[in-house]
Amino acid sequence: GGLFIRGRHSRGLGMIADLEKYAAAMLMGWRVLRVADKHVKNGA
């Protein structure tokens, strides 16, 4: 969320924290699908 309003996920420190989370998840064998509101709204 917050991709176009300078939310936490689209600012430097927030993005770095997310990257660490996703890297740790992948190292544990998780597949992480990241979606935006557009992808939910259009059914993708």
PDB file of all heavy atoms in Angstrom:
ATOM      1  N   GLY A   1       0.811  -1.208   0.000  1.00  0.00           N
ATOM      2  CA  GLY A   1       0.000   0.000   0.000  1.00  0.00           C
ATOM      3  C   GLY A   1       0.846   1.261   0.000  1.00  0.00           C
ATOM      4  O   GLY A   1       2.050   1.220   0.199  1.00  0.00           O
ATOM      5  N   GLY A   2       0.199   2.367  -0.207  1.00  0.00           N
ATOM      6  CA  GLY A   2       0.866   3.669  -0.128  1.00  0.00           C
ATOM      7  C   GLY A   2       1.910   3.907  -1.194  1.00  0.00           C
ATOM      8  O   GLY A   2       2.827   4.706  -0.993  1.00  0.00           O
ATOM      9  N   LEU A   3       1.776   3.262  -2.329  1.00  0.00           N
ATOM     10  CA  LEU A   3       2.808   3.381  -3.355  1.00  0.00           C
ATOM     11  C   LEU A   3       2.873   4.764  -3.989  1.00  0.00           C
ATOM     12  O   LEU A   3       3.934   5.203  -4.412  1.00  0.00           O
ATOM     13  CB  LEU A   3       2.582   2.321  -4.444  1.00  0.00           C
ATOM     14  CG  LEU A   3       2.692   0.870  -3.969  1.00  0.00           C
ATOM     15  CD1 LEU A   3       2.359  -0.089  -5.106  1.00  0.00           C
ATOM     16  CD2 LEU A   3       4.075   0.583  -3.418  1.00  0.00           C
ATOM     17  N   PHE A   4       1.749   5.449  -4.056  1.00  0.00           N
ATOM     18  CA  PHE A   4       1.727   6.748  -4.722  1.00  0.00           C
ATOM     19  C   PHE A   4       1.559   7.911  -3.757  1.00  0.00           C
ATOM     20  O   PHE A   4       1.423   9.055  -4.171  1.00  0.00           O
ATOM     21  CB  PHE A   4       0.610   6.772  -5.781  1.00  0.00           C
ATOM     22  CG  PHE A   4       0.845   5.766  -6.874  1.00  0.00           C
ATOM     23  CD1 PHE A   4       0.161   4.563  -6.881  1.00  0.00           C
ATOM     24  CD2 PHE A   4       1.760   6.011  -7.878  1.00  0.00           C
ATOM     25  CE1 PHE A   4       0.380   3.622  -7.871  1.00  0.00           C
ATOM     26  CE2 PHE A   4       1.993   5.081  -8.878  1.00  0.00           C
ATOM     27  CZ  PHE A   4       1.302   3.877  -8.864  1.00  0.00           C
ATOM     28  N   ILE A   5       1.558   7.618  -2.481  1.00  0.00           N
ATOM     29  CA  ILE A   5       1.406   8.693  -1.494  1.00  0.00           C
ATOM     30  C   ILE A   5       2.618   8.769  -0.572  1.00  0.00           C
ATOM     31  O   ILE A   5       2.540   9.267   0.533  1.00  0.00           O
ATOM     32  CB  ILE A   5       0.116   8.511  -0.661  1.00  0.00           C
ATOM     33  CG1 ILE A   5       0.124   7.172   0.065  1.00  0.00           C
ATOM     34  CG2 ILE A   5      -1.111   8.668  -1.535  1.00  0.00           C
ATOM     35  CD1 ILE A   5      -0.968   7.019   1.105  1.00  0.00           C
ATOM     36  N   ARG A   6       3.723   8.240  -1.050  1.00  0.00           N
ATOM     37  CA  ARG A   6       4.968   8.220  -0.265  1.00  0.00           C
ATOM     38  C   ARG A   6       4.755   7.501   1.054  1.00  0.00           C
ATOM     39  O   ARG A   6       5.187   7.949   2.111  1.00  0.00           O
ATOM     40  CB  ARG A   6       5.508   9.631  -0.058  1.00  0.00           C
ATOM     41  CG  ARG A   6       5.779  10.381  -1.316  1.00  0.00           C
ATOM     42  CD  ARG A   6       7.172  10.473  -1.834  1.00  0.00           C
ATOM     43  NE  ARG A   6       8.195  10.665  -0.836  1.00  0.00           N
ATOM     44  CZ  ARG A   6       9.301   9.927  -0.812  1.00  0.00           C
ATOM     45  NH1 ARG A   6       9.487   8.983  -1.682  1.00  0.00           N
ATOM     46  NH2 ARG A   6      10.220  10.150   0.087  1.00  0.00           N
ATOM     47  N   GLY A   7       4.069   6.365   0.987  1.00  0.00           N
ATOM     48  CA  GLY A   7       3.859   5.534   2.170  1.00  0.00           C
ATOM     49  C   GLY A   7       5.138   4.826   2.576  1.00  0.00           C
ATOM     50  O   GLY A   7       6.175   4.939   1.924  1.00  0.00           O
ATOM     51  N   ARG A   8       5.066   4.070   3.648  1.00  0.00           N
ATOM     52  CA  ARG A   8       6.234   3.394   4.206  1.00  0.00           C
ATOM     53  C   ARG A   8       6.927   2.489   3.189  1.00  0.00           C
ATOM     54  O   ARG A   8       8.151   2.412   3.133  1.00  0.00           O
ATOM     55  CB  ARG A   8       5.833   2.562   5.430  1.00  0.00           C
ATOM     56  CG  ARG A   8       7.040   2.022   6.174  1.00  0.00           C
ATOM     57  CD  ARG A   8       6.662   1.028   7.231  1.00  0.00           C
ATOM     58  NE  ARG A   8       6.624  -0.340   6.758  1.00  0.00           N
ATOM     59  CZ  ARG A   8       7.679  -1.060   6.382  1.00  0.00           C
ATOM     60  NH1 ARG A   8       8.873  -0.508   6.377  1.00  0.00           N
ATOM     61  NH2 ARG A   8       7.556  -2.293   6.010  1.00  0.00           N
ATOM     62  N   HIS A   9       6.151   1.809   2.364  1.00  0.00           N
ATOM     63  CA  HIS A   9       6.741   0.849   1.431  1.00  0.00           C
ATOM     64  C   HIS A   9       7.447   1.514   0.254  1.00  0.00           C
ATOM     65  O   HIS A   9       8.179   0.841  -0.469  1.00  0.00           O
ATOM     66  CB  HIS A   9       5.660  -0.093   0.884  1.00  0.00           C
ATOM     67  CG  HIS A   9       5.038  -0.937   1.933  1.00  0.00           C
ATOM     68  ND1 HIS A   9       5.678  -1.990   2.533  1.00  0.00           N
ATOM     69  CD2 HIS A   9       3.824  -0.878   2.521  1.00  0.00           C
ATOM     70  CE1 HIS A   9       4.883  -2.545   3.426  1.00  0.00           C
ATOM     71  NE2 HIS A   9       3.754  -1.887   3.439  1.00  0.00           N
ATOM     72  N   SER A  10       7.247   2.802   0.065  1.00  0.00           N
ATOM     73  CA  SER A  10       7.855   3.457  -1.093  1.00  0.00           C
ATOM     74  C   SER A  10       8.913   4.487  -0.712  1.00  0.00           C
ATOM     75  O   SER A  10       9.333   5.275  -1.543  1.00  0.00           O
ATOM     76  CB  SER A  10       6.763   4.118  -1.961  1.00  0.00           C
ATOM     77  OG  SER A  10       6.094   5.105  -1.225  1.00  0.00           O
ATOM     78  N   ARG A  11       9.352   4.447   0.532  1.00  0.00           N
ATOM     79  CA  ARG A  11      10.438   5.333   0.978  1.00  0.00           C
ATOM     80  C   ARG A  11      11.643   4.476   1.345  1.00  0.00           C
ATOM     81  O   ARG A  11      11.501   3.301   1.699  1.00  0.00           O
ATOM     82  CB  ARG A  11      10.001   6.181   2.164  1.00  0.00           C
ATOM     83  CG  ARG A  11       9.016   7.265   1.752  1.00  0.00           C
ATOM     84  CD  ARG A  11       8.666   8.155   2.902  1.00  0.00           C
ATOM     85  NE  ARG A  11       7.756   7.389   3.770  1.00  0.00           N
ATOM     86  CZ  ARG A  11       7.333   7.814   4.941  1.00  0.00           C
ATOM     87  NH1 ARG A  11       7.727   8.955   5.412  1.00  0.00           N
ATOM     88  NH2 ARG A  11       6.509   7.081   5.646  1.00  0.00           N
ATOM     89  N   GLY A  12      12.806   5.055   1.288  1.00  0.00           N
ATOM     90  CA  GLY A  12      14.068   4.336   1.465  1.00  0.00           C
ATOM     91  C   GLY A  12      14.135   3.347   2.617  1.00  0.00           C
ATOM     92  O   GLY A  12      14.344   2.152   2.408  1.00  0.00           O
ATOM     93  N   LEU A  13      13.972   3.809   3.843  1.00  0.00           N
ATOM     94  CA  LEU A  13      14.115   2.912   4.989  1.00  0.00           C
ATOM     95  C   LEU A  13      13.050   1.824   5.015  1.00  0.00           C
ATOM     96  O   LEU A  13      13.332   0.673   5.365  1.00  0.00           O
ATOM     97  CB  LEU A  13      14.097   3.704   6.300  1.00  0.00           C
ATOM     98  CG  LEU A  13      15.303   4.612   6.539  1.00  0.00           C
ATOM     99  CD1 LEU A  13      15.132   5.397   7.836  1.00  0.00           C
ATOM    100  CD2 LEU A  13      16.592   3.805   6.563  1.00  0.00           C
ATOM    101  N   GLY A  14      11.847   2.173   4.627  1.00  0.00           N
ATOM    102  CA  GLY A  14      10.778   1.179   4.572  1.00  0.00           C
ATOM    103  C   GLY A  14      11.053   0.117   3.524  1.00  0.00           C
ATOM    104  O   GLY A  14      10.826  -1.078   3.745  1.00  0.00           O
ATOM    105  N   MET A  15      11.566   0.558   2.375  1.00  0.00           N
ATOM    106  CA  MET A  15      11.894  -0.397   1.316  1.00  0.00           C
ATOM    107  C   MET A  15      13.031  -1.316   1.740  1.00  0.00           C
ATOM    108  O   MET A  15      12.993  -2.524   1.478  1.00  0.00           O
ATOM    109  CB  MET A  15      12.254   0.348   0.029  1.00  0.00           C
ATOM    110  CG  MET A  15      11.062   1.009  -0.631  1.00  0.00           C
ATOM    111  SD  MET A  15      11.500   1.879  -2.142  1.00  0.00           S
ATOM    112  CE  MET A  15      11.801   0.499  -3.224  1.00  0.00           C
ATOM    113  N   ILE A  16      14.034  -0.760   2.402  1.00  0.00           N
ATOM    114  CA  ILE A  16      15.155  -1.582   2.869  1.00  0.00           C
ATOM    115  C   ILE A  16      14.668  -2.630   3.862  1.00  0.00           C
ATOM    116  O   ILE A  16      15.046  -3.805   3.789  1.00  0.00           O
ATOM    117  CB  ILE A  16      16.264  -0.695   3.466  1.00  0.00           C
ATOM    118  CG1 ILE A  16      16.970   0.061   2.347  1.00  0.00           C
ATOM    119  CG2 ILE A  16      17.268  -1.526   4.271  1.00  0.00           C
ATOM    120  CD1 ILE A  16      17.921   1.137   2.817  1.00  0.00           C
ATOM    121  N   ALA A  17      13.802  -2.225   4.783  1.00  0.00           N
ATOM    122  CA  ALA A  17      13.255  -3.175   5.757  1.00  0.00           C
ATOM    123  C   ALA A  17      12.450  -4.266   5.055  1.00  0.00           C
ATOM    124  O   ALA A  17      12.546  -5.452   5.415  1.00  0.00           O
ATOM    125  CB  ALA A  17      12.389  -2.437   6.777  1.00  0.00           C
ATOM    126  N   ASP A  18      11.656  -3.892   4.048  1.00  0.00           N
ATOM    127  CA  ASP A  18      10.885  -4.877   3.296  1.00  0.00           C
ATOM    128  C   ASP A  18      11.800  -5.847   2.559  1.00  0.00           C
ATOM    129  O   ASP A  18      11.546  -7.052   2.514  1.00  0.00           O
ATOM    130  CB  ASP A  18       9.951  -4.192   2.296  1.00  0.00           C
ATOM    131  CG  ASP A  18       8.724  -3.580   2.946  1.00  0.00           C
ATOM    132  OD1 ASP A  18       8.446  -3.880   4.125  1.00  0.00           O
ATOM    133  OD2 ASP A  18       8.037  -2.804   2.256  1.00  0.00           O
ATOM    134  N   LEU A  19      12.870  -5.334   1.967  1.00  0.00           N
ATOM    135  CA  LEU A  19      13.803  -6.195   1.245  1.00  0.00           C
ATOM    136  C   LEU A  19      14.429  -7.227   2.182  1.00  0.00           C
ATOM    137  O   LEU A  19      14.590  -8.402   1.814  1.00  0.00           O
ATOM    138  CB  LEU A  19      14.888  -5.359   0.566  1.00  0.00           C
ATOM    139  CG  LEU A  19      14.415  -4.450  -0.566  1.00  0.00           C
ATOM    140  CD1 LEU A  19      15.543  -3.528  -1.009  1.00  0.00           C
ATOM    141  CD2 LEU A  19      13.870  -5.248  -1.720  1.00  0.00           C
ATOM    142  N   GLU A  20      14.760  -6.815   3.392  1.00  0.00           N
ATOM    143  CA  GLU A  20      15.319  -7.750   4.375  1.00  0.00           C
ATOM    144  C   GLU A  20      14.290  -8.819   4.740  1.00  0.00           C
ATOM    145  O   GLU A  20      14.620 -10.006   4.839  1.00  0.00           O
ATOM    146  CB  GLU A  20      15.782  -6.998   5.620  1.00  0.00           C
ATOM    147  CG  GLU A  20      16.985  -6.123   5.363  1.00  0.00           C
ATOM    148  CD  GLU A  20      17.325  -5.184   6.513  1.00  0.00           C
ATOM    149  OE1 GLU A  20      16.662  -5.239   7.568  1.00  0.00           O
ATOM    150  OE2 GLU A  20      18.269  -4.393   6.347  1.00  0.00           O
ATOM    151  N   LYS A  21      13.067  -8.413   4.939  1.00  0.00           N
ATOM    152  CA  LYS A  21      11.984  -9.352   5.267  1.00  0.00           C
ATOM    153  C   LYS A  21      11.804 -10.360   4.140  1.00  0.00           C
ATOM    154  O   LYS A  21      11.725 -11.571   4.376  1.00  0.00           O
ATOM    155  CB  LYS A  21      10.691  -8.569   5.498  1.00  0.00           C
ATOM    156  CG  LYS A  21       9.449  -9.405   5.667  1.00  0.00           C
ATOM    157  CD  LYS A  21       8.233  -8.502   5.821  1.00  0.00           C
ATOM    158  CE  LYS A  21       6.938  -9.257   5.762  1.00  0.00           C
ATOM    159  NZ  LYS A  21       5.775  -8.368   5.949  1.00  0.00           N
ATOM    160  N   TYR A  22      11.727  -9.891   2.900  1.00  0.00           N
ATOM    161  CA  TYR A  22      11.496 -10.782   1.772  1.00  0.00           C
ATOM    162  C   TYR A  22      12.692 -11.705   1.535  1.00  0.00           C
ATOM    163  O   TYR A  22      12.517 -12.874   1.190  1.00  0.00           O
ATOM    164  CB  TYR A  22      11.151  -9.997   0.509  1.00  0.00           C
ATOM    165  CG  TYR A  22       9.915  -9.133   0.672  1.00  0.00           C
ATOM    166  CD1 TYR A  22       9.836  -7.881   0.104  1.00  0.00           C
ATOM    167  CD2 TYR A  22       8.831  -9.578   1.412  1.00  0.00           C
ATOM    168  CE1 TYR A  22       8.704  -7.087   0.256  1.00  0.00           C
ATOM    169  CE2 TYR A  22       7.697  -8.795   1.577  1.00  0.00           C
ATOM    170  CZ  TYR A  22       7.646  -7.554   0.999  1.00  0.00           C
ATOM    171  OH  TYR A  22       6.529  -6.773   1.155  1.00  0.00           O
ATOM    172  N   ALA A  23      13.893 -11.211   1.724  1.00  0.00           N
ATOM    173  CA  ALA A  23      15.086 -12.056   1.578  1.00  0.00           C
ATOM    174  C   ALA A  23      15.085 -13.163   2.625  1.00  0.00           C
ATOM    175  O   ALA A  23      15.356 -14.331   2.317  1.00  0.00           O
ATOM    176  CB  ALA A  23      16.359 -11.214   1.679  1.00  0.00           C
ATOM    177  N   ALA A  24      14.775 -12.817   3.869  1.00  0.00           N
ATOM    178  CA  ALA A  24      14.719 -13.824   4.933  1.00  0.00           C
ATOM    179  C   ALA A  24      13.651 -14.870   4.623  1.00  0.00           C
ATOM    180  O   ALA A  24      13.878 -16.072   4.796  1.00  0.00           O
ATOM    181  CB  ALA A  24      14.436 -13.156   6.281  1.00  0.00           C
ATOM    182  N   ALA A  25      12.502 -14.420   4.138  1.00  0.00           N
ATOM    183  CA  ALA A  25      11.425 -15.354   3.794  1.00  0.00           C
ATOM    184  C   ALA A  25      11.872 -16.306   2.690  1.00  0.00           C
ATOM    185  O   ALA A  25      11.639 -17.522   2.771  1.00  0.00           O
ATOM    186  CB  ALA A  25      10.177 -14.583   3.366  1.00  0.00           C
ATOM    187  N   MET A  26      12.516 -15.775   1.668  1.00  0.00           N
ATOM    188  CA  MET A  26      12.954 -16.618   0.565  1.00  0.00           C
ATOM    189  C   MET A  26      14.016 -17.609   1.016  1.00  0.00           C
ATOM    190  O   MET A  26      14.027 -18.765   0.581  1.00  0.00           O
ATOM    191  CB  MET A  26      13.442 -15.756  -0.597  1.00  0.00           C
ATOM    192  CG  MET A  26      12.284 -14.989  -1.241  1.00  0.00           C
ATOM    193  SD  MET A  26      12.807 -13.915  -2.573  1.00  0.00           S
ATOM    194  CE  MET A  26      13.208 -15.112  -3.813  1.00  0.00           C
ATOM    195  N   LEU A  27      14.905 -17.195   1.908  1.00  0.00           N
ATOM    196  CA  LEU A  27      15.914 -18.108   2.437  1.00  0.00           C
ATOM    197  C   LEU A  27      15.275 -19.239   3.249  1.00  0.00           C
ATOM    198  O   LEU A  27      15.849 -20.319   3.374  1.00  0.00           O
ATOM    199  CB  LEU A  27      16.926 -17.350   3.296  1.00  0.00           C
ATOM    200  CG  LEU A  27      17.881 -16.455   2.517  1.00  0.00           C
ATOM    201  CD1 LEU A  27      18.649 -15.539   3.454  1.00  0.00           C
ATOM    202  CD2 LEU A  27      18.833 -17.301   1.675  1.00  0.00           C
ATOM    203  N   MET A  28      14.074 -18.994   3.767  1.00  0.00           N
ATOM    204  CA  MET A  28      13.337 -20.015   4.514  1.00  0.00           C
ATOM    205  C   MET A  28      12.465 -20.866   3.588  1.00  0.00           C
ATOM    206  O   MET A  28      11.751 -21.749   4.051  1.00  0.00           O
ATOM    207  CB  MET A  28      12.471 -19.340   5.582  1.00  0.00           C
ATOM    208  CG  MET A  28      13.271 -18.636   6.662  1.00  0.00           C
ATOM    209  SD  MET A  28      12.218 -17.644   7.764  1.00  0.00           S
ATOM    210  CE  MET A  28      11.271 -18.932   8.569  1.00  0.00           C
ATOM    211  N   GLY A  29      12.507 -20.590   2.275  1.00  0.00           N
ATOM    212  CA  GLY A  29      11.763 -21.388   1.321  1.00  0.00           C
ATOM    213  C   GLY A  29      10.414 -20.826   0.909  1.00  0.00           C
ATOM    214  O   GLY A  29       9.686 -21.453   0.138  1.00  0.00           O
ATOM    215  N   TRP A  30      10.062 -19.637   1.398  1.00  0.00           N
ATOM    216  CA  TRP A  30       8.784 -19.015   1.049  1.00  0.00           C
ATOM    217  C   TRP A  30       8.839 -18.412  -0.341  1.00  0.00           C
ATOM    218  O   TRP A  30       9.866 -17.878  -0.766  1.00  0.00           O
ATOM    219  CB  TRP A  30       8.434 -17.908   2.046  1.00  0.00           C
ATOM    220  CG  TRP A  30       7.966 -18.415   3.362  1.00  0.00           C
ATOM    221  CD1 TRP A  30       8.750 -18.713   4.442  1.00  0.00           C
ATOM    222  CD2 TRP A  30       6.625 -18.675   3.751  1.00  0.00           C
ATOM    223  NE1 TRP A  30       7.961 -19.149   5.475  1.00  0.00           N
ATOM    224  CE2 TRP A  30       6.652 -19.139   5.076  1.00  0.00           C
ATOM    225  CE3 TRP A  30       5.402 -18.565   3.099  1.00  0.00           C
ATOM    226  CZ2 TRP A  30       5.499 -19.483   5.770  1.00  0.00           C
ATOM    227  CZ3 TRP A  30       4.245 -18.908   3.784  1.00  0.00           C
ATOM    228  CH2 TRP A  30       4.297 -19.365   5.101  1.00  0.00           C
ATOM    229  N   ARG A  31       7.703 -18.463  -1.036  1.00  0.00           N
ATOM    230  CA  ARG A  31       7.493 -17.698  -2.268  1.00  0.00           C
ATOM    231  C   ARG A  31       6.627 -16.511  -1.859  1.00  0.00           C
ATOM    232  O   ARG A  31       5.572 -16.695  -1.245  1.00  0.00           O
ATOM    233  CB  ARG A  31       6.776 -18.532  -3.315  1.00  0.00           C
ATOM    234  CG  ARG A  31       7.591 -19.735  -3.749  1.00  0.00           C
ATOM    235  CD  ARG A  31       6.836 -20.644  -4.678  1.00  0.00           C
ATOM    236  NE  ARG A  31       5.662 -21.179  -3.980  1.00  0.00           N
ATOM    237  CZ  ARG A  31       4.572 -21.639  -4.591  1.00  0.00           C
ATOM    238  NH1 ARG A  31       4.481 -21.621  -5.898  1.00  0.00           N
ATOM    239  NH2 ARG A  31       3.567 -22.124  -3.908  1.00  0.00           N
ATOM    240  N   VAL A  32       7.088 -15.313  -2.156  1.00  0.00           N
ATOM    241  CA  VAL A  32       6.386 -14.101  -1.733  1.00  0.00           C
ATOM    242  C   VAL A  32       5.883 -13.362  -2.976  1.00  0.00           C
ATOM    243  O   VAL A  32       6.676 -12.898  -3.794  1.00  0.00           O
ATOM    244  CB  VAL A  32       7.294 -13.183  -0.886  1.00  0.00           C
ATOM    245  CG1 VAL A  32       6.531 -11.943  -0.446  1.00  0.00           C
ATOM    246  CG2 VAL A  32       7.856 -13.935   0.323  1.00  0.00           C
ATOM    247  N   LEU A  33       4.567 -13.273  -3.077  1.00  0.00           N
ATOM    248  CA  LEU A  33       3.933 -12.533  -4.165  1.00  0.00           C
ATOM    249  C   LEU A  33       3.561 -11.154  -3.646  1.00  0.00           C
ATOM    250  O   LEU A  33       2.807 -11.038  -2.678  1.00  0.00           O
ATOM    251  CB  LEU A  33       2.678 -13.275  -4.644  1.00  0.00           C
ATOM    252  CG  LEU A  33       1.831 -12.575  -5.702  1.00  0.00           C
ATOM    253  CD1 LEU A  33       2.624 -12.419  -7.002  1.00  0.00           C
ATOM    254  CD2 LEU A  33       0.549 -13.353  -5.944  1.00  0.00           C
ATOM    255  N   ARG A  34       4.112 -10.131  -4.270  1.00  0.00           N
ATOM    256  CA  ARG A  34       3.814  -8.755  -3.880  1.00  0.00           C
ATOM    257  C   ARG A  34       2.830  -8.176  -4.877  1.00  0.00           C
ATOM    258  O   ARG A  34       3.063  -8.243  -6.082  1.00  0.00           O
ATOM    259  CB  ARG A  34       5.101  -7.934  -3.855  1.00  0.00           C
ATOM    260  CG  ARG A  34       6.102  -8.463  -2.850  1.00  0.00           C
ATOM    261  CD  ARG A  34       7.422  -7.746  -2.946  1.00  0.00           C
ATOM    262  NE  ARG A  34       7.237  -6.345  -2.618  1.00  0.00           N
ATOM    263  CZ  ARG A  34       8.142  -5.400  -2.899  1.00  0.00           C
ATOM    264  NH1 ARG A  34       9.256  -5.692  -3.530  1.00  0.00           N
ATOM    265  NH2 ARG A  34       7.908  -4.154  -2.571  1.00  0.00           N
ATOM    266  N   VAL A  35       1.733  -7.623  -4.366  1.00  0.00           N
ATOM    267  CA  VAL A  35       0.703  -7.064  -5.241  1.00  0.00           C
ATOM    268  C   VAL A  35       0.351  -5.653  -4.795  1.00  0.00           C
ATOM    269  O   VAL A  35       0.504  -5.299  -3.631  1.00  0.00           O
ATOM    270  CB  VAL A  35      -0.565  -7.949  -5.280  1.00  0.00           C
ATOM    271  CG1 VAL A  35      -0.226  -9.350  -5.774  1.00  0.00           C
ATOM    272  CG2 VAL A  35      -1.249  -8.013  -3.924  1.00  0.00           C
ATOM    273  N   ALA A  36      -0.152  -4.877  -5.741  1.00  0.00           N
ATOM    274  CA  ALA A  36      -0.632  -3.522  -5.462  1.00  0.00           C
ATOM    275  C   ALA A  36      -2.152  -3.506  -5.609  1.00  0.00           C
ATOM    276  O   ALA A  36      -2.758  -4.479  -6.068  1.00  0.00           O
ATOM    277  CB  ALA A  36       0.003  -2.532  -6.437  1.00  0.00           C
ATOM    278  N   ASP A  37      -2.763  -2.400  -5.242  1.00  0.00           N
ATOM    279  CA  ASP A  37      -4.227  -2.301  -5.300  1.00  0.00           C
ATOM    280  C   ASP A  37      -4.766  -2.572  -6.701  1.00  0.00           C
ATOM    281  O   ASP A  37      -5.798  -3.204  -6.864  1.00  0.00           O
ATOM    282  CB  ASP A  37      -4.716  -0.962  -4.752  1.00  0.00           C
ATOM    283  CG  ASP A  37      -4.199   0.241  -5.519  1.00  0.00           C
ATOM    284  OD1 ASP A  37      -3.258   0.112  -6.328  1.00  0.00           O
ATOM    285  OD2 ASP A  37      -4.753   1.331  -5.292  1.00  0.00           O
ATOM    286  N   LYS A  38      -4.040  -2.134  -7.714  1.00  0.00           N
ATOM    287  CA  LYS A  38      -4.462  -2.371  -9.099  1.00  0.00           C
ATOM    288  C   LYS A  38      -4.644  -3.869  -9.365  1.00  0.00           C
ATOM    289  O   LYS A  38      -5.600  -4.279 -10.015  1.00  0.00           O
ATOM    290  CB  LYS A  38      -3.432  -1.794 -10.069  1.00  0.00           C
ATOM    291  CG  LYS A  38      -3.676  -2.157 -11.519  1.00  0.00           C
ATOM    292  CD  LYS A  38      -2.553  -1.675 -12.414  1.00  0.00           C
ATOM    293  CE  LYS A  38      -2.784  -2.159 -13.836  1.00  0.00           C
ATOM    294  NZ  LYS A  38      -1.761  -1.674 -14.745  1.00  0.00           N
ATOM    295  N   HIS A  39      -3.721  -4.680  -8.862  1.00  0.00           N
ATOM    296  CA  HIS A  39      -3.759  -6.120  -9.095  1.00  0.00           C
ATOM    297  C   HIS A  39      -4.924  -6.793  -8.371  1.00  0.00           C
ATOM    298  O   HIS A  39      -5.460  -7.793  -8.854  1.00  0.00           O
ATOM    299  CB  HIS A  39      -2.440  -6.766  -8.662  1.00  0.00           C
ATOM    300  CG  HIS A  39      -1.257  -6.147  -9.300  1.00  0.00           C
ATOM    301  ND1 HIS A  39      -0.214  -5.624  -8.572  1.00  0.00           N
ATOM    302  CD2 HIS A  39      -0.965  -5.922 -10.609  1.00  0.00           C
ATOM    303  CE1 HIS A  39       0.683  -5.128  -9.399  1.00  0.00           C
ATOM    304  NE2 HIS A  39       0.244  -5.289 -10.645  1.00  0.00           N
ATOM    305  N   VAL A  40      -5.310  -6.243  -7.236  1.00  0.00           N
ATOM    306  CA  VAL A  40      -6.476  -6.773  -6.518  1.00  0.00           C
ATOM    307  C   VAL A  40      -7.742  -6.360  -7.262  1.00  0.00           C
ATOM    308  O   VAL A  40      -8.605  -7.189  -7.545  1.00  0.00           O
ATOM    309  CB  VAL A  40      -6.502  -6.287  -5.053  1.00  0.00           C
ATOM    310  CG1 VAL A  40      -7.793  -6.713  -4.355  1.00  0.00           C
ATOM    311  CG2 VAL A  40      -5.280  -6.817  -4.292  1.00  0.00           C
ATOM    312  N   LYS A  41      -7.831  -5.085  -7.620  1.00  0.00           N
ATOM    313  CA  LYS A  41      -9.036  -4.560  -8.262  1.00  0.00           C
ATOM    314  C   LYS A  41      -9.323  -5.201  -9.612  1.00  0.00           C
ATOM    315  O   LYS A  41     -10.480  -5.442  -9.955  1.00  0.00           O
ATOM    316  CB  LYS A  41      -8.934  -3.042  -8.416  1.00  0.00           C
ATOM    317  CG  LYS A  41      -9.018  -2.313  -7.103  1.00  0.00           C
ATOM    318  CD  LYS A  41      -8.794  -0.818  -7.289  1.00  0.00           C
ATOM    319  CE  LYS A  41      -8.822  -0.091  -5.962  1.00  0.00           C
ATOM    320  NZ  LYS A  41      -8.475   1.334  -6.111  1.00  0.00           N
ATOM    321  N   ASN A  42      -8.278  -5.504 -10.394  1.00  0.00           N
ATOM    322  CA  ASN A  42      -8.525  -6.070 -11.723  1.00  0.00           C
ATOM    323  C   ASN A  42      -8.528  -7.598 -11.735  1.00  0.00           C
ATOM    324  O   ASN A  42      -8.656  -8.209 -12.783  1.00  0.00           O
ATOM    325  CB  ASN A  42      -7.555  -5.500 -12.767  1.00  0.00           C
ATOM    326  CG  ASN A  42      -6.119  -5.967 -12.592  1.00  0.00           C
ATOM    327  OD1 ASN A  42      -5.817  -6.923 -11.895  1.00  0.00           O
ATOM    328  ND2 ASN A  42      -5.202  -5.257 -13.248  1.00  0.00           N
ATOM    329  N   GLY A  43      -8.358  -8.216 -10.573  1.00  0.00           N
ATOM    330  CA  GLY A  43      -8.430  -9.670 -10.466  1.00  0.00           C
ATOM    331  C   GLY A  43      -7.132 -10.404 -10.737  1.00  0.00           C
ATOM    332  O   GLY A  43      -7.067 -11.625 -10.595  1.00  0.00           O
ATOM    333  N   ALA A  44      -6.096  -9.684 -11.136  1.00  0.00           N
ATOM    334  CA  ALA A  44      -4.820 -10.335 -11.435  1.00  0.00           C
ATOM    335  C   ALA A  44      -4.256 -11.045 -10.211  1.00  0.00           C
ATOM    336  O   ALA A  44      -3.757 -12.172 -10.317  1.00  0.00           O
ATOM    337  CB  ALA A  44      -3.816  -9.317 -11.973  1.00  0.00           C
TER     338      ALA A  44
END
